[in-house]
Amino acid sequence: MIKLTLLNVDNEIDMICSLLQESFKTVAEEYKLTKENSPTHNAFITQQTLQKEIERGLILFGVHDNDNLIGCVGIIKASNKNCYYIEKLCVLPAYRHQKIGKLLLDHALTEIAKQKCNYISIGIINENEQLKQWYINQGFIEQKVVKFDHQTFTVCFLTMNIITLLQLSDDYIPIIKTWLNKEYI
């Protein structure tokens, strides 16, 4: 049975790291990422690195198939108080193309909508055109592409205005109405 929950990072951090490593391994292989040329990529995440991110405010949600963690997504408030980042959205290869990624993204958007922010942002490998198009199809807009010195790829930052959630689904309206001025609705 598929179940989406807030992850208990104290008890599941090793399982979460394994999930991230295995899920992002396919990306690392496709784009020839290694620990040496992309040490911060999720395919190479350590428990210590993940713990530091959690201490900085990363909240993780996961999908379990019975007792097996098969996907996760994280949200974290940006230093700009009006923005949240979506991070670490992944699904094990054997469970892909079953709408689990969409389930995780929708849950992250719902949780972010409760936080009274204006924007949602995510960074992806710019060269991954299929993933970029998937996010665009979900309502995100490409904002900018940046090359960081410590990475072998360029990063595409995509954003969504919280008002876009209203256009995507009526499910978000009750959440957003509680804090938006009625003139926007």
N, C-alpha and C. Protein backbone atom coordinates (compact mmCIF):
# COMPACT_ATOMS: atom_id res chain seq x y z
N MET A 1 0.84 -1.18 0.00
CA MET A 1 0.00 0.00 0.00
C MET A 1 0.89 1.25 0.00
N ILE A 2 0.57 2.20 -0.89
CA ILE A 2 1.31 3.45 -1.02
C ILE A 2 0.80 4.43 0.04
N LYS A 3 1.74 5.05 0.77
CA LYS A 3 1.38 5.99 1.83
C LYS A 3 2.38 7.15 1.83
N LEU A 4 1.87 8.39 1.84
CA LEU A 4 2.70 9.59 1.88
C LEU A 4 2.67 10.15 3.30
N THR A 5 3.86 10.39 3.88
CA THR A 5 3.94 10.89 5.26
C THR A 5 5.10 11.87 5.41
N LEU A 6 5.04 12.61 6.51
CA LEU A 6 6.19 13.38 6.95
C LEU A 6 7.23 12.36 7.42
N LEU A 7 8.46 12.49 6.93
CA LEU A 7 9.47 11.51 7.29
C LEU A 7 10.01 11.78 8.69
N ASN A 8 10.25 10.74 9.42
CA ASN A 8 10.87 10.81 10.74
C ASN A 8 12.38 10.74 10.52
N VAL A 9 13.00 11.92 10.38
CA VAL A 9 14.41 11.96 10.00
C VAL A 9 15.32 11.37 11.06
N ASP A 10 14.89 11.39 12.32
CA ASP A 10 15.72 10.80 13.37
C ASP A 10 15.85 9.30 13.19
N ASN A 11 14.77 8.65 12.78
CA ASN A 11 14.78 7.19 12.65
C ASN A 11 15.04 6.72 11.23
N GLU A 12 14.86 7.60 10.23
CA GLU A 12 14.92 7.15 8.84
C GLU A 12 16.05 7.78 8.03
N ILE A 13 16.99 8.48 8.66
CA ILE A 13 17.98 9.22 7.89
C ILE A 13 18.83 8.30 7.01
N ASP A 14 19.16 7.11 7.49
CA ASP A 14 19.94 6.19 6.66
C ASP A 14 19.12 5.72 5.46
N MET A 15 17.84 5.47 5.66
CA MET A 15 16.95 5.05 4.57
C MET A 15 16.77 6.19 3.57
N ILE A 16 16.67 7.42 4.07
CA ILE A 16 16.50 8.58 3.20
C ILE A 16 17.75 8.78 2.34
N CYS A 17 18.92 8.67 2.96
CA CYS A 17 20.18 8.81 2.20
C CYS A 17 20.29 7.74 1.13
N SER A 18 19.95 6.53 1.47
CA SER A 18 20.00 5.43 0.48
C SER A 18 19.05 5.70 -0.67
N LEU A 19 17.84 6.17 -0.35
CA LEU A 19 16.87 6.51 -1.39
C LEU A 19 17.42 7.59 -2.31
N LEU A 20 17.95 8.66 -1.73
CA LEU A 20 18.49 9.76 -2.54
C LEU A 20 19.64 9.26 -3.43
N GLN A 21 20.54 8.52 -2.86
CA GLN A 21 21.69 8.01 -3.62
C GLN A 21 21.24 7.12 -4.77
N GLU A 22 20.34 6.19 -4.50
CA GLU A 22 19.88 5.27 -5.53
C GLU A 22 19.05 5.99 -6.59
N SER A 23 18.18 6.89 -6.17
CA SER A 23 17.32 7.61 -7.12
C SER A 23 18.12 8.54 -8.02
N PHE A 24 19.09 9.24 -7.44
CA PHE A 24 19.87 10.20 -8.22
C PHE A 24 21.05 9.56 -8.93
N LYS A 25 21.29 8.28 -8.69
CA LYS A 25 22.37 7.57 -9.36
C LYS A 25 22.17 7.57 -10.88
N THR A 26 20.92 7.43 -11.32
CA THR A 26 20.66 7.42 -12.76
C THR A 26 21.00 8.77 -13.39
N VAL A 27 20.74 9.83 -12.66
CA VAL A 27 21.07 11.18 -13.13
C VAL A 27 22.59 11.35 -13.19
N ALA A 28 23.26 10.90 -12.14
CA ALA A 28 24.72 11.00 -12.10
C ALA A 28 25.35 10.24 -13.27
N GLU A 29 24.83 9.07 -13.54
CA GLU A 29 25.38 8.28 -14.66
C GLU A 29 25.11 8.96 -15.99
N GLU A 30 23.89 9.47 -16.19
CA GLU A 30 23.53 10.10 -17.46
C GLU A 30 24.37 11.34 -17.74
N TYR A 31 24.66 12.12 -16.70
CA TYR A 31 25.40 13.37 -16.89
C TYR A 31 26.87 13.27 -16.46
N LYS A 32 27.33 12.04 -16.26
CA LYS A 32 28.72 11.76 -15.92
C LYS A 32 29.20 12.55 -14.69
N LEU A 33 28.36 12.52 -13.65
CA LEU A 33 28.69 13.19 -12.40
C LEU A 33 29.40 12.19 -11.50
N THR A 34 30.41 12.68 -10.80
CA THR A 34 31.16 11.85 -9.85
C THR A 34 31.29 12.61 -8.54
N LYS A 35 31.75 11.90 -7.52
CA LYS A 35 32.01 12.57 -6.24
C LYS A 35 33.05 13.66 -6.41
N GLU A 36 33.96 13.46 -7.35
CA GLU A 36 35.04 14.44 -7.56
C GLU A 36 34.55 15.68 -8.29
N ASN A 37 33.72 15.51 -9.33
CA ASN A 37 33.32 16.69 -10.11
C ASN A 37 32.00 17.31 -9.67
N SER A 38 31.23 16.60 -8.84
CA SER A 38 29.94 17.12 -8.35
C SER A 38 29.68 16.61 -6.94
N PRO A 39 30.54 16.97 -5.99
CA PRO A 39 30.43 16.40 -4.65
C PRO A 39 29.14 16.74 -3.90
N THR A 40 28.44 17.80 -4.30
CA THR A 40 27.22 18.18 -3.60
C THR A 40 25.95 17.59 -4.21
N HIS A 41 26.11 16.83 -5.28
CA HIS A 41 24.93 16.23 -5.93
C HIS A 41 24.31 15.17 -5.03
N ASN A 42 23.00 15.05 -5.07
CA ASN A 42 22.28 14.11 -4.20
C ASN A 42 22.68 12.64 -4.40
N ALA A 43 23.27 12.31 -5.52
CA ALA A 43 23.72 10.93 -5.74
C ALA A 43 24.84 10.56 -4.77
N PHE A 44 25.47 11.57 -4.19
CA PHE A 44 26.62 11.34 -3.31
C PHE A 44 26.38 11.88 -1.90
N ILE A 45 25.14 12.13 -1.56
CA ILE A 45 24.83 12.73 -0.26
C ILE A 45 25.22 11.79 0.89
N THR A 46 25.67 12.39 1.96
CA THR A 46 26.00 11.63 3.17
C THR A 46 24.97 11.96 4.25
N GLN A 47 24.94 11.12 5.28
CA GLN A 47 24.03 11.39 6.39
C GLN A 47 24.39 12.71 7.06
N GLN A 48 25.68 13.02 7.15
CA GLN A 48 26.10 14.27 7.79
C GLN A 48 25.61 15.49 7.00
N THR A 49 25.72 15.42 5.66
CA THR A 49 25.25 16.52 4.83
C THR A 49 23.75 16.68 4.95
N LEU A 50 23.03 15.57 4.89
CA LEU A 50 21.57 15.63 5.01
C LEU A 50 21.16 16.16 6.38
N GLN A 51 21.85 15.74 7.43
CA GLN A 51 21.53 16.22 8.77
C GLN A 51 21.72 17.74 8.87
N LYS A 52 22.77 18.27 8.24
CA LYS A 52 22.99 19.72 8.24
C LYS A 52 21.86 20.45 7.52
N GLU A 53 21.39 19.88 6.42
CA GLU A 53 20.28 20.50 5.69
C GLU A 53 19.01 20.48 6.54
N ILE A 54 18.78 19.40 7.25
CA ILE A 54 17.61 19.30 8.13
C ILE A 54 17.71 20.33 9.24
N GLU A 55 18.89 20.51 9.80
CA GLU A 55 19.09 21.51 10.85
C GLU A 55 18.86 22.93 10.33
N ARG A 56 19.06 23.15 9.02
CA ARG A 56 18.81 24.46 8.42
C ARG A 56 17.34 24.66 8.06
N GLY A 57 16.52 23.61 8.29
CA GLY A 57 15.08 23.77 8.08
C GLY A 57 14.46 22.89 7.01
N LEU A 58 15.21 22.01 6.39
CA LEU A 58 14.65 21.12 5.38
C LEU A 58 13.63 20.19 6.02
N ILE A 59 12.44 20.16 5.44
CA ILE A 59 11.37 19.26 5.88
C ILE A 59 11.17 18.24 4.78
N LEU A 60 11.18 16.96 5.13
CA LEU A 60 11.10 15.89 4.13
C LEU A 60 9.82 15.09 4.26
N PHE A 61 9.21 14.81 3.13
CA PHE A 61 8.03 13.97 3.04
C PHE A 61 8.40 12.77 2.18
N GLY A 62 7.82 11.62 2.49
CA GLY A 62 8.17 10.43 1.74
C GLY A 62 6.97 9.60 1.37
N VAL A 63 7.16 8.80 0.35
CA VAL A 63 6.16 7.83 -0.06
C VAL A 63 6.74 6.45 0.23
N HIS A 64 5.96 5.68 0.98
CA HIS A 64 6.33 4.30 1.29
C HIS A 64 5.41 3.35 0.53
N ASP A 65 5.99 2.28 0.04
CA ASP A 65 5.21 1.16 -0.48
C ASP A 65 5.39 0.06 0.56
N ASN A 66 4.37 -0.12 1.38
CA ASN A 66 4.47 -0.93 2.58
C ASN A 66 5.57 -0.32 3.46
N ASP A 67 6.64 -1.03 3.75
CA ASP A 67 7.70 -0.47 4.59
C ASP A 67 8.87 0.10 3.80
N ASN A 68 8.79 0.07 2.48
CA ASN A 68 9.89 0.53 1.64
C ASN A 68 9.71 1.99 1.24
N LEU A 69 10.71 2.81 1.54
CA LEU A 69 10.71 4.22 1.12
C LEU A 69 11.05 4.25 -0.37
N ILE A 70 10.11 4.76 -1.18
CA ILE A 70 10.30 4.71 -2.63
C ILE A 70 10.42 6.09 -3.28
N GLY A 71 10.16 7.15 -2.51
CA GLY A 71 10.27 8.49 -3.06
C GLY A 71 10.22 9.52 -1.95
N CYS A 72 10.75 10.71 -2.23
CA CYS A 72 10.69 11.78 -1.23
C CYS A 72 10.75 13.13 -1.91
N VAL A 73 10.42 14.14 -1.12
CA VAL A 73 10.53 15.53 -1.54
C VAL A 73 10.79 16.36 -0.29
N GLY A 74 11.57 17.41 -0.45
CA GLY A 74 11.84 18.31 0.65
C GLY A 74 11.41 19.72 0.32
N ILE A 75 11.09 20.47 1.37
CA ILE A 75 10.81 21.90 1.22
C ILE A 75 11.64 22.65 2.26
N ILE A 76 12.08 23.83 1.89
CA ILE A 76 12.86 24.66 2.81
C ILE A 76 12.62 26.13 2.47
N LYS A 77 12.50 26.93 3.49
CA LYS A 77 12.31 28.37 3.30
C LYS A 77 13.62 28.99 2.80
N ALA A 78 13.50 29.83 1.80
CA ALA A 78 14.66 30.55 1.28
C ALA A 78 15.01 31.70 2.22
N SER A 79 16.20 32.24 2.06
CA SER A 79 16.57 33.40 2.88
C SER A 79 15.62 34.57 2.59
N ASN A 80 15.09 34.63 1.36
CA ASN A 80 14.03 35.56 1.01
C ASN A 80 12.76 34.96 1.61
N LYS A 81 12.20 35.57 2.60
CA LYS A 81 11.08 35.01 3.36
C LYS A 81 9.84 34.74 2.52
N ASN A 82 9.78 35.28 1.32
CA ASN A 82 8.61 35.09 0.47
C ASN A 82 8.76 33.91 -0.49
N CYS A 83 9.76 33.07 -0.30
CA CYS A 83 10.03 31.98 -1.23
C CYS A 83 10.36 30.70 -0.47
N TYR A 84 9.89 29.60 -1.01
CA TYR A 84 10.27 28.26 -0.55
C TYR A 84 10.91 27.51 -1.70
N TYR A 85 11.88 26.67 -1.38
CA TYR A 85 12.50 25.81 -2.37
C TYR A 85 11.95 24.40 -2.25
N ILE A 86 11.78 23.76 -3.37
CA ILE A 86 11.50 22.33 -3.41
C ILE A 86 12.82 21.65 -3.70
N GLU A 87 13.15 20.65 -2.90
CA GLU A 87 14.43 19.98 -3.04
C GLU A 87 14.26 18.47 -2.96
N LYS A 88 15.20 17.77 -3.54
CA LYS A 88 15.35 16.32 -3.37
C LYS A 88 14.15 15.52 -3.82
N LEU A 89 13.39 16.04 -4.79
CA LEU A 89 12.26 15.28 -5.31
C LEU A 89 12.81 14.10 -6.11
N CYS A 90 12.51 12.91 -5.63
CA CYS A 90 13.03 11.72 -6.30
C CYS A 90 12.13 10.52 -6.08
N VAL A 91 12.23 9.59 -7.01
CA VAL A 91 11.50 8.33 -6.95
C VAL A 91 12.45 7.24 -7.41
N LEU A 92 12.44 6.11 -6.72
CA LEU A 92 13.29 5.00 -7.14
C LEU A 92 12.97 4.61 -8.58
N PRO A 93 13.99 4.24 -9.36
CA PRO A 93 13.76 3.91 -10.78
C PRO A 93 12.63 2.90 -11.02
N ALA A 94 12.52 1.90 -10.20
CA ALA A 94 11.49 0.88 -10.40
C ALA A 94 10.07 1.42 -10.22
N TYR A 95 9.92 2.58 -9.59
CA TYR A 95 8.60 3.14 -9.32
C TYR A 95 8.30 4.38 -10.16
N ARG A 96 9.18 4.72 -11.08
CA ARG A 96 8.97 5.91 -11.90
C ARG A 96 7.85 5.69 -12.91
N HIS A 97 7.30 6.80 -13.40
CA HIS A 97 6.23 6.80 -14.40
C HIS A 97 4.95 6.17 -13.87
N GLN A 98 4.73 6.32 -12.56
CA GLN A 98 3.50 5.85 -11.92
C GLN A 98 2.82 7.00 -11.17
N LYS A 99 3.21 8.23 -11.50
CA LYS A 99 2.64 9.46 -10.92
C LYS A 99 3.01 9.68 -9.45
N ILE A 100 4.04 8.99 -8.97
CA ILE A 100 4.50 9.19 -7.60
C ILE A 100 5.21 10.52 -7.47
N GLY A 101 5.99 10.90 -8.48
CA GLY A 101 6.63 12.21 -8.48
C GLY A 101 5.61 13.33 -8.44
N LYS A 102 4.55 13.19 -9.19
CA LYS A 102 3.46 14.19 -9.19
C LYS A 102 2.78 14.25 -7.83
N LEU A 103 2.57 13.09 -7.22
CA LEU A 103 1.99 13.04 -5.87
C LEU A 103 2.88 13.80 -4.89
N LEU A 104 4.18 13.57 -4.96
CA LEU A 104 5.13 14.26 -4.07
C LEU A 104 5.15 15.76 -4.33
N LEU A 105 5.20 16.14 -5.60
CA LEU A 105 5.21 17.57 -5.93
C LEU A 105 3.92 18.24 -5.44
N ASP A 106 2.78 17.62 -5.69
CA ASP A 106 1.51 18.21 -5.24
C ASP A 106 1.49 18.37 -3.73
N HIS A 107 2.03 17.38 -3.02
CA HIS A 107 2.06 17.49 -1.56
C HIS A 107 2.98 18.64 -1.12
N ALA A 108 4.13 18.75 -1.77
CA ALA A 108 5.05 19.85 -1.44
C ALA A 108 4.38 21.20 -1.71
N LEU A 109 3.69 21.32 -2.83
CA LEU A 109 3.00 22.58 -3.15
C LEU A 109 1.93 22.90 -2.12
N THR A 110 1.21 21.88 -1.68
CA THR A 110 0.18 22.09 -0.65
C THR A 110 0.80 22.56 0.66
N GLU A 111 1.88 21.93 1.07
CA GLU A 111 2.56 22.33 2.30
C GLU A 111 3.12 23.75 2.18
N ILE A 112 3.67 24.08 1.04
CA ILE A 112 4.22 25.43 0.83
C ILE A 112 3.10 26.47 0.82
N ALA A 113 1.97 26.12 0.22
CA ALA A 113 0.84 27.06 0.18
C ALA A 113 0.38 27.45 1.58
N LYS A 114 0.57 26.58 2.55
CA LYS A 114 0.19 26.86 3.94
C LYS A 114 1.15 27.83 4.61
N GLN A 115 2.30 28.09 4.00
CA GLN A 115 3.35 28.87 4.65
C GLN A 115 3.32 30.37 4.32
N LYS A 116 2.33 30.79 3.59
CA LYS A 116 2.18 32.22 3.29
C LYS A 116 3.37 32.80 2.54
N CYS A 117 3.84 32.09 1.55
CA CYS A 117 4.92 32.63 0.73
C CYS A 117 4.35 33.04 -0.63
N ASN A 118 5.14 33.77 -1.40
CA ASN A 118 4.69 34.23 -2.71
C ASN A 118 5.21 33.38 -3.86
N TYR A 119 6.40 32.80 -3.67
CA TYR A 119 7.04 32.08 -4.76
C TYR A 119 7.57 30.73 -4.31
N ILE A 120 7.64 29.82 -5.28
CA ILE A 120 8.21 28.50 -5.09
C ILE A 120 9.30 28.36 -6.14
N SER A 121 10.43 27.80 -5.76
CA SER A 121 11.54 27.68 -6.69
C SER A 121 12.16 26.28 -6.62
N ILE A 122 12.72 25.86 -7.73
CA ILE A 122 13.45 24.59 -7.78
C ILE A 122 14.60 24.75 -8.77
N GLY A 123 15.72 24.12 -8.47
CA GLY A 123 16.86 24.11 -9.37
C GLY A 123 17.08 22.71 -9.91
N ILE A 124 17.27 22.60 -11.22
CA ILE A 124 17.50 21.29 -11.85
C ILE A 124 18.67 21.40 -12.82
N ILE A 125 19.15 20.26 -13.27
CA ILE A 125 20.19 20.26 -14.30
C ILE A 125 19.56 20.80 -15.59
N ASN A 126 20.09 21.90 -16.07
CA ASN A 126 19.51 22.57 -17.23
C ASN A 126 19.46 21.67 -18.46
N GLU A 127 20.45 20.82 -18.60
CA GLU A 127 20.53 19.96 -19.77
C GLU A 127 19.47 18.85 -19.77
N ASN A 128 18.79 18.65 -18.66
CA ASN A 128 17.75 17.62 -18.56
C ASN A 128 16.44 18.20 -19.09
N GLU A 129 16.32 18.19 -20.39
CA GLU A 129 15.16 18.81 -21.05
C GLU A 129 13.84 18.12 -20.68
N GLN A 130 13.87 16.81 -20.51
CA GLN A 130 12.64 16.08 -20.16
C GLN A 130 12.14 16.52 -18.78
N LEU A 131 13.03 16.62 -17.81
CA LEU A 131 12.64 17.04 -16.47
C LEU A 131 12.19 18.51 -16.47
N LYS A 132 12.91 19.33 -17.21
CA LYS A 132 12.53 20.75 -17.29
C LYS A 132 11.12 20.89 -17.86
N GLN A 133 10.83 20.14 -18.91
CA GLN A 133 9.50 20.21 -19.50
C GLN A 133 8.43 19.70 -18.54
N TRP A 134 8.76 18.67 -17.74
CA TRP A 134 7.81 18.16 -16.75
C TRP A 134 7.44 19.26 -15.76
N TYR A 135 8.44 19.98 -15.25
CA TYR A 135 8.15 21.07 -14.31
C TYR A 135 7.36 22.19 -14.97
N ILE A 136 7.68 22.52 -16.20
CA ILE A 136 6.92 23.54 -16.93
C ILE A 136 5.47 23.09 -17.07
N ASN A 137 5.27 21.82 -17.37
CA ASN A 137 3.91 21.29 -17.48
C ASN A 137 3.15 21.33 -16.15
N GLN A 138 3.88 21.39 -15.04
CA GLN A 138 3.25 21.47 -13.72
C GLN A 138 2.97 22.92 -13.31
N GLY A 139 3.37 23.89 -14.14
CA GLY A 139 3.07 25.29 -13.86
C GLY A 139 4.28 26.15 -13.51
N PHE A 140 5.48 25.57 -13.53
CA PHE A 140 6.69 26.34 -13.24
C PHE A 140 7.13 27.09 -14.50
N ILE A 141 7.87 28.17 -14.28
CA ILE A 141 8.39 28.99 -15.36
C ILE A 141 9.91 29.06 -15.21
N GLU A 142 10.60 28.88 -16.33
CA GLU A 142 12.06 28.99 -16.31
C GLU A 142 12.45 30.44 -16.04
N GLN A 143 13.29 30.66 -15.01
CA GLN A 143 13.70 32.01 -14.64
C GLN A 143 15.10 32.36 -15.11
N LYS A 144 16.06 31.46 -14.82
CA LYS A 144 17.43 31.75 -15.22
C LYS A 144 18.24 30.46 -15.21
N VAL A 145 19.35 30.51 -15.92
CA VAL A 145 20.30 29.40 -15.97
C VAL A 145 21.63 29.93 -15.47
N VAL A 146 22.23 29.17 -14.54
CA VAL A 146 23.47 29.61 -13.89
C VAL A 146 24.51 28.51 -13.97
N LYS A 147 25.75 28.88 -14.22
CA LYS A 147 26.87 27.94 -14.17
C LYS A 147 27.65 28.22 -12.89
N PHE A 148 27.69 27.21 -12.01
CA PHE A 148 28.46 27.32 -10.78
C PHE A 148 29.82 26.67 -10.98
N ASP A 149 30.86 27.28 -10.41
CA ASP A 149 32.22 26.78 -10.58
C ASP A 149 32.40 25.36 -10.07
N HIS A 150 31.68 24.99 -9.03
CA HIS A 150 31.88 23.67 -8.42
C HIS A 150 31.05 22.57 -9.08
N GLN A 151 30.35 22.86 -10.19
CA GLN A 151 29.54 21.85 -10.86
C GLN A 151 29.91 21.76 -12.33
N THR A 152 29.73 20.58 -12.90
CA THR A 152 30.05 20.36 -14.31
C THR A 152 28.87 20.65 -15.22
N PHE A 153 27.75 21.00 -14.66
CA PHE A 153 26.54 21.26 -15.44
C PHE A 153 26.01 22.64 -15.08
N THR A 154 25.07 23.12 -15.88
CA THR A 154 24.41 24.38 -15.57
C THR A 154 23.11 24.07 -14.83
N VAL A 155 22.70 25.01 -14.00
CA VAL A 155 21.48 24.84 -13.21
C VAL A 155 20.40 25.75 -13.75
N CYS A 156 19.24 25.17 -13.99
CA CYS A 156 18.08 25.93 -14.41
C CYS A 156 17.20 26.15 -13.19
N PHE A 157 16.93 27.41 -12.90
CA PHE A 157 16.02 27.73 -11.80
C PHE A 157 14.64 27.99 -12.39
N LEU A 158 13.67 27.25 -11.87
CA LEU A 158 12.29 27.41 -12.27
C LEU A 158 11.50 27.91 -11.07
N THR A 159 10.52 28.76 -11.32
CA THR A 159 9.72 29.28 -10.22
C THR A 159 8.23 29.18 -10.54
N MET A 160 7.47 29.27 -9.48
CA MET A 160 6.02 29.33 -9.61
C MET A 160 5.53 30.40 -8.65
N ASN A 161 4.68 31.27 -9.13
CA ASN A 161 4.02 32.24 -8.28
C ASN A 161 2.89 31.50 -7.57
N ILE A 162 2.69 31.79 -6.31
CA ILE A 162 1.66 31.08 -5.54
C ILE A 162 0.28 31.25 -6.17
N ILE A 163 0.04 32.35 -6.86
CA ILE A 163 -1.25 32.57 -7.53
C ILE A 163 -1.46 31.52 -8.61
N THR A 164 -0.37 31.03 -9.21
CA THR A 164 -0.47 29.98 -10.23
C THR A 164 -1.14 28.74 -9.66
N LEU A 165 -0.95 28.48 -8.37
CA LEU A 165 -1.59 27.32 -7.75
C LEU A 165 -3.11 27.39 -7.88
N LEU A 166 -3.65 28.60 -7.81
CA LEU A 166 -5.09 28.77 -7.94
C LEU A 166 -5.56 28.35 -9.34
N GLN A 167 -4.70 28.59 -10.32
CA GLN A 167 -5.06 28.24 -11.69
C GLN A 167 -4.89 26.74 -11.94
N LEU A 168 -4.04 26.08 -11.15
CA LEU A 168 -3.79 24.66 -11.35
C LEU A 168 -4.87 23.79 -10.75
N SER A 169 -5.36 24.16 -9.59
CA SER A 169 -6.32 23.29 -8.91
C SER A 169 -7.11 24.05 -7.87
N ASP A 170 -8.39 23.75 -7.80
CA ASP A 170 -9.25 24.34 -6.78
C ASP A 170 -8.89 23.86 -5.39
N ASP A 171 -8.13 22.76 -5.28
CA ASP A 171 -7.75 22.23 -3.97
C ASP A 171 -6.95 23.23 -3.14
N TYR A 172 -6.24 24.13 -3.82
CA TYR A 172 -5.39 25.08 -3.10
C TYR A 172 -6.15 26.32 -2.63
N ILE A 173 -7.34 26.57 -3.18
CA ILE A 173 -8.07 27.80 -2.89
C ILE A 173 -8.36 27.97 -1.40
N PRO A 174 -8.89 26.96 -0.68
CA PRO A 174 -9.16 27.19 0.76
C PRO A 174 -7.90 27.55 1.56
N ILE A 175 -6.79 26.95 1.22
CA ILE A 175 -5.53 27.23 1.92
C ILE A 175 -5.10 28.67 1.66
N ILE A 176 -5.09 29.03 0.39
CA ILE A 176 -4.58 30.35 0.01
C ILE A 176 -5.54 31.46 0.42
N LYS A 177 -6.83 31.20 0.37
CA LYS A 177 -7.80 32.23 0.76
C LYS A 177 -7.63 32.66 2.21
N THR A 178 -7.10 31.81 3.03
CA THR A 178 -6.95 32.16 4.44
C THR A 178 -5.92 33.26 4.65
N TRP A 179 -5.05 33.49 3.71
CA TRP A 179 -4.03 34.50 3.93
C TRP A 179 -3.85 35.50 2.81
N LEU A 180 -4.44 35.26 1.64
CA LEU A 180 -4.34 36.25 0.56
C LEU A 180 -5.46 37.27 0.70
N ASN A 181 -5.21 38.50 0.22
CA ASN A 181 -6.28 39.50 0.17
C ASN A 181 -7.32 39.01 -0.84
N LYS A 182 -8.56 39.22 -0.53
CA LYS A 182 -9.63 38.74 -1.38
C LYS A 182 -9.59 39.36 -2.79
N GLU A 183 -8.93 40.50 -2.94
CA GLU A 183 -8.86 41.15 -4.24
C GLU A 183 -8.07 40.31 -5.25
N TYR A 184 -7.24 39.39 -4.76
CA TYR A 184 -6.46 38.55 -5.66
C TYR A 184 -7.24 37.32 -6.12
N ILE A 185 -8.29 36.98 -5.43
CA ILE A 185 -9.03 35.75 -5.72
C ILE A 185 -10.07 35.99 -6.79
